[in-house]
Structure formats: C-alpha cells, structure tokens
Amino acid sequence: MSFLESVKEIIGLEQFPAPVFRATIIGDVAGFFEGVVDVQTWSDEQIVIRLKKGGFIINGKNLYLKKYCAGDLVVCGKITSTQRI
C-alpha cells in the first residue's frame, strides 16, 4: 500500500477520487500543468489548454511552451493571470 493510500484510509477517504489536473504557478515567471489533454491556442500573450474536465487560460507577456509531454506542460514568460474555464 502506498503512502497516499495509507493516509486516505486513515482519514476515511478510501473513495476519494484522484485529481484530474494540477496547476502550479511559480511567481509570475512559470507555470506547471499536469493532466493537459491539448493545447488549443497559443501566442506570446495567451495560451489556452484543454484538460480532461474544462481548461485553463494563461495570460501574460512573452509566453512560450517550455515542455509539453505526456500530459505535462511548462509555460514560461511573464504570467499576469490564469483563469479556469
């Protein structure tokens, strides 16, 4: 049994669903997104990504895709806002 499974059992969340996506914004210079299905549009001012459920809009300046592989996406540049859609 994994550590996470043990914790879920202890606190009574055995049926707790796994997260569909995860977004981590590092200051205003980068963002890491897990669970990405597709990059719908991108420019140096806006990137729109599709997740299994919904999506994200990342706005900023000088944005670029640093890495996109196996559902993981790293966005770099000056991030000014994000919005869940």
N, C-alpha and C. Protein backbone atom coordinates (compact mmCIF):
# COMPACT_ATOMS: atom_id res chain seq x y z
N MET A 1 0.84 -1.17 0.00
CA MET A 1 0.00 0.00 0.00
C MET A 1 0.89 1.24 0.00
N SER A 2 0.57 2.20 -0.88
CA SER A 2 1.37 3.41 -0.97
C SER A 2 1.08 4.33 0.21
N PHE A 3 1.96 5.30 0.39
CA PHE A 3 1.79 6.27 1.48
C PHE A 3 0.46 7.01 1.34
N LEU A 4 0.15 7.48 0.12
CA LEU A 4 -1.09 8.21 -0.10
C LEU A 4 -2.31 7.34 0.19
N GLU A 5 -2.27 6.08 -0.21
CA GLU A 5 -3.37 5.17 0.08
C GLU A 5 -3.53 4.98 1.58
N SER A 6 -2.43 4.89 2.32
CA SER A 6 -2.48 4.76 3.78
C SER A 6 -3.11 5.98 4.42
N VAL A 7 -2.73 7.16 3.97
CA VAL A 7 -3.28 8.40 4.51
C VAL A 7 -4.78 8.48 4.22
N LYS A 8 -5.18 8.14 3.00
CA LYS A 8 -6.60 8.18 2.66
C LYS A 8 -7.40 7.21 3.52
N GLU A 9 -6.84 6.04 3.80
CA GLU A 9 -7.52 5.06 4.65
C GLU A 9 -7.65 5.57 6.08
N ILE A 10 -6.58 6.17 6.61
CA ILE A 10 -6.59 6.67 7.98
C ILE A 10 -7.65 7.75 8.17
N ILE A 11 -7.79 8.65 7.21
CA ILE A 11 -8.75 9.74 7.38
C ILE A 11 -10.11 9.43 6.75
N GLY A 12 -10.28 8.20 6.29
CA GLY A 12 -11.58 7.76 5.81
C GLY A 12 -11.95 8.23 4.42
N LEU A 13 -10.98 8.39 3.56
CA LEU A 13 -11.24 8.85 2.20
C LEU A 13 -10.84 7.80 1.17
N GLU A 14 -11.15 6.54 1.45
CA GLU A 14 -10.75 5.49 0.52
C GLU A 14 -11.32 5.70 -0.87
N GLN A 15 -12.51 6.30 -0.96
CA GLN A 15 -13.15 6.50 -2.25
C GLN A 15 -12.87 7.87 -2.85
N PHE A 16 -11.95 8.62 -2.25
CA PHE A 16 -11.63 9.96 -2.73
C PHE A 16 -11.01 9.86 -4.12
N PRO A 17 -11.57 10.57 -5.11
CA PRO A 17 -11.05 10.45 -6.48
C PRO A 17 -9.68 11.11 -6.64
N ALA A 18 -8.92 10.58 -7.57
CA ALA A 18 -7.61 11.18 -7.88
C ALA A 18 -7.83 12.51 -8.57
N PRO A 19 -6.93 13.47 -8.39
CA PRO A 19 -7.10 14.76 -9.05
C PRO A 19 -7.06 14.61 -10.56
N VAL A 20 -7.88 15.40 -11.25
CA VAL A 20 -7.94 15.36 -12.70
C VAL A 20 -6.81 16.17 -13.30
N PHE A 21 -6.42 17.24 -12.62
CA PHE A 21 -5.34 18.08 -13.09
C PHE A 21 -4.68 18.73 -11.89
N ARG A 22 -3.52 19.30 -12.14
CA ARG A 22 -2.80 20.06 -11.12
C ARG A 22 -2.13 21.23 -11.82
N ALA A 23 -2.24 22.41 -11.19
CA ALA A 23 -1.60 23.61 -11.73
C ALA A 23 -0.75 24.24 -10.64
N THR A 24 0.49 24.52 -10.96
CA THR A 24 1.41 25.16 -10.04
C THR A 24 2.00 26.38 -10.74
N ILE A 25 1.75 27.56 -10.17
CA ILE A 25 2.29 28.78 -10.73
C ILE A 25 3.47 29.20 -9.86
N ILE A 26 4.60 29.44 -10.47
CA ILE A 26 5.82 29.80 -9.75
C ILE A 26 6.06 31.29 -9.96
N GLY A 27 5.68 32.07 -8.93
CA GLY A 27 5.78 33.52 -9.05
C GLY A 27 4.97 33.99 -10.24
N ASP A 28 5.57 34.83 -11.06
CA ASP A 28 4.92 35.25 -12.30
C ASP A 28 5.75 34.88 -13.51
N VAL A 29 6.66 33.90 -13.32
CA VAL A 29 7.58 33.56 -14.40
C VAL A 29 7.37 32.19 -15.04
N ALA A 30 6.59 31.31 -14.39
CA ALA A 30 6.40 29.97 -14.95
C ALA A 30 5.17 29.31 -14.36
N GLY A 31 4.64 28.36 -15.10
CA GLY A 31 3.52 27.56 -14.63
C GLY A 31 3.71 26.13 -15.06
N PHE A 32 3.35 25.19 -14.18
CA PHE A 32 3.45 23.76 -14.47
C PHE A 32 2.05 23.19 -14.39
N PHE A 33 1.61 22.53 -15.45
CA PHE A 33 0.26 21.99 -15.53
C PHE A 33 0.33 20.49 -15.81
N GLU A 34 -0.37 19.70 -15.00
CA GLU A 34 -0.45 18.26 -15.19
C GLU A 34 -1.88 17.91 -15.61
N GLY A 35 -2.03 16.89 -16.42
CA GLY A 35 -3.35 16.47 -16.87
C GLY A 35 -3.83 17.22 -18.10
N VAL A 36 -2.90 17.76 -18.86
CA VAL A 36 -3.24 18.52 -20.07
C VAL A 36 -3.56 17.54 -21.20
N VAL A 37 -4.71 17.76 -21.84
CA VAL A 37 -5.11 16.92 -22.96
C VAL A 37 -4.67 17.53 -24.29
N ASP A 38 -4.73 18.87 -24.37
CA ASP A 38 -4.41 19.52 -25.63
C ASP A 38 -4.08 20.99 -25.38
N VAL A 39 -3.23 21.55 -26.22
CA VAL A 39 -3.01 22.99 -26.24
C VAL A 39 -3.86 23.51 -27.39
N GLN A 40 -4.92 24.25 -27.04
CA GLN A 40 -5.86 24.70 -28.08
C GLN A 40 -5.31 25.87 -28.87
N THR A 41 -4.84 26.90 -28.19
CA THR A 41 -4.23 28.04 -28.88
C THR A 41 -3.07 28.55 -28.06
N TRP A 42 -2.12 29.15 -28.74
CA TRP A 42 -1.03 29.78 -28.01
C TRP A 42 -0.46 30.94 -28.82
N SER A 43 -0.08 31.95 -28.08
CA SER A 43 0.61 33.10 -28.65
C SER A 43 1.52 33.62 -27.55
N ASP A 44 2.22 34.69 -27.81
CA ASP A 44 3.10 35.20 -26.75
C ASP A 44 2.33 35.97 -25.68
N GLU A 45 1.00 36.13 -25.87
CA GLU A 45 0.19 36.82 -24.85
C GLU A 45 -0.88 35.94 -24.21
N GLN A 46 -1.22 34.80 -24.84
CA GLN A 46 -2.25 33.93 -24.26
C GLN A 46 -2.06 32.49 -24.71
N ILE A 47 -2.23 31.57 -23.74
CA ILE A 47 -2.21 30.14 -24.03
C ILE A 47 -3.48 29.55 -23.45
N VAL A 48 -4.20 28.77 -24.26
CA VAL A 48 -5.42 28.11 -23.82
C VAL A 48 -5.17 26.61 -23.87
N ILE A 49 -5.34 25.94 -22.72
CA ILE A 49 -5.13 24.50 -22.66
C ILE A 49 -6.43 23.81 -22.30
N ARG A 50 -6.59 22.59 -22.81
CA ARG A 50 -7.76 21.77 -22.52
C ARG A 50 -7.33 20.67 -21.56
N LEU A 51 -8.14 20.50 -20.51
CA LEU A 51 -7.91 19.46 -19.53
C LEU A 51 -8.97 18.38 -19.71
N LYS A 52 -8.89 17.30 -18.94
CA LYS A 52 -9.91 16.26 -19.03
C LYS A 52 -11.29 16.83 -18.71
N LYS A 53 -11.33 17.78 -17.79
CA LYS A 53 -12.58 18.46 -17.45
C LYS A 53 -12.31 19.95 -17.46
N GLY A 54 -12.74 20.63 -18.51
CA GLY A 54 -12.55 22.08 -18.58
C GLY A 54 -11.23 22.46 -19.20
N GLY A 55 -10.72 23.61 -18.77
CA GLY A 55 -9.48 24.09 -19.32
C GLY A 55 -8.92 25.25 -18.52
N PHE A 56 -7.88 25.84 -19.04
CA PHE A 56 -7.19 26.97 -18.41
C PHE A 56 -6.83 27.98 -19.48
N ILE A 57 -6.94 29.25 -19.12
CA ILE A 57 -6.43 30.33 -19.95
C ILE A 57 -5.28 30.97 -19.17
N ILE A 58 -4.12 31.06 -19.80
CA ILE A 58 -2.96 31.70 -19.19
C ILE A 58 -2.67 32.96 -19.99
N ASN A 59 -2.72 34.12 -19.34
CA ASN A 59 -2.44 35.40 -19.98
C ASN A 59 -1.10 35.93 -19.50
N GLY A 60 -0.42 36.68 -20.36
CA GLY A 60 0.84 37.26 -19.97
C GLY A 60 1.57 37.92 -21.12
N LYS A 61 2.86 38.00 -20.97
CA LYS A 61 3.72 38.60 -21.99
C LYS A 61 4.90 37.66 -22.23
N ASN A 62 5.32 37.57 -23.47
CA ASN A 62 6.45 36.72 -23.86
C ASN A 62 6.26 35.28 -23.40
N LEU A 63 5.03 34.75 -23.48
CA LEU A 63 4.75 33.38 -23.07
C LEU A 63 5.26 32.40 -24.12
N TYR A 64 5.78 31.28 -23.64
CA TYR A 64 6.16 30.21 -24.55
C TYR A 64 6.07 28.87 -23.83
N LEU A 65 5.92 27.81 -24.63
CA LEU A 65 5.82 26.45 -24.11
C LEU A 65 7.24 25.90 -23.96
N LYS A 66 7.63 25.65 -22.73
CA LYS A 66 8.97 25.13 -22.46
C LYS A 66 9.01 23.62 -22.67
N LYS A 67 7.94 22.93 -22.19
CA LYS A 67 7.87 21.48 -22.30
C LYS A 67 6.41 21.07 -22.42
N TYR A 68 6.12 20.15 -23.31
CA TYR A 68 4.78 19.57 -23.41
C TYR A 68 4.95 18.11 -23.77
N CYS A 69 4.74 17.25 -22.78
CA CYS A 69 4.98 15.82 -22.99
C CYS A 69 4.15 15.01 -22.00
N ALA A 70 3.46 14.00 -22.49
CA ALA A 70 2.72 13.05 -21.65
C ALA A 70 1.77 13.73 -20.68
N GLY A 71 1.08 14.78 -21.13
CA GLY A 71 0.12 15.46 -20.29
C GLY A 71 0.69 16.52 -19.37
N ASP A 72 1.99 16.72 -19.42
CA ASP A 72 2.64 17.75 -18.60
C ASP A 72 3.00 18.93 -19.50
N LEU A 73 2.77 20.14 -18.98
CA LEU A 73 3.05 21.35 -19.75
C LEU A 73 3.73 22.35 -18.85
N VAL A 74 4.83 22.93 -19.34
CA VAL A 74 5.51 24.01 -18.64
C VAL A 74 5.41 25.25 -19.51
N VAL A 75 4.86 26.32 -18.92
CA VAL A 75 4.72 27.60 -19.61
C VAL A 75 5.67 28.58 -18.93
N CYS A 76 6.46 29.29 -19.72
CA CYS A 76 7.38 30.29 -19.19
C CYS A 76 7.05 31.64 -19.80
N GLY A 77 7.50 32.69 -19.15
CA GLY A 77 7.25 34.06 -19.57
C GLY A 77 6.69 34.83 -18.39
N LYS A 78 6.19 36.01 -18.64
CA LYS A 78 5.59 36.86 -17.60
C LYS A 78 4.10 36.54 -17.52
N ILE A 79 3.69 35.73 -16.53
CA ILE A 79 2.29 35.34 -16.36
C ILE A 79 1.59 36.44 -15.55
N THR A 80 0.53 37.01 -16.16
CA THR A 80 -0.21 38.07 -15.48
C THR A 80 -1.52 37.57 -14.88
N SER A 81 -2.11 36.50 -15.45
CA SER A 81 -3.35 35.96 -14.89
C SER A 81 -3.60 34.57 -15.42
N THR A 82 -4.37 33.80 -14.67
CA THR A 82 -4.84 32.50 -15.11
C THR A 82 -6.33 32.44 -14.82
N GLN A 83 -7.04 31.66 -15.63
CA GLN A 83 -8.47 31.53 -15.44
C GLN A 83 -8.88 30.11 -15.77
N ARG A 84 -9.62 29.49 -14.87
CA ARG A 84 -10.15 28.13 -15.10
C ARG A 84 -11.42 28.27 -15.90
N ILE A 85 -11.54 27.51 -16.98
CA ILE A 85 -12.74 27.55 -17.81
C ILE A 85 -13.37 26.18 -17.90
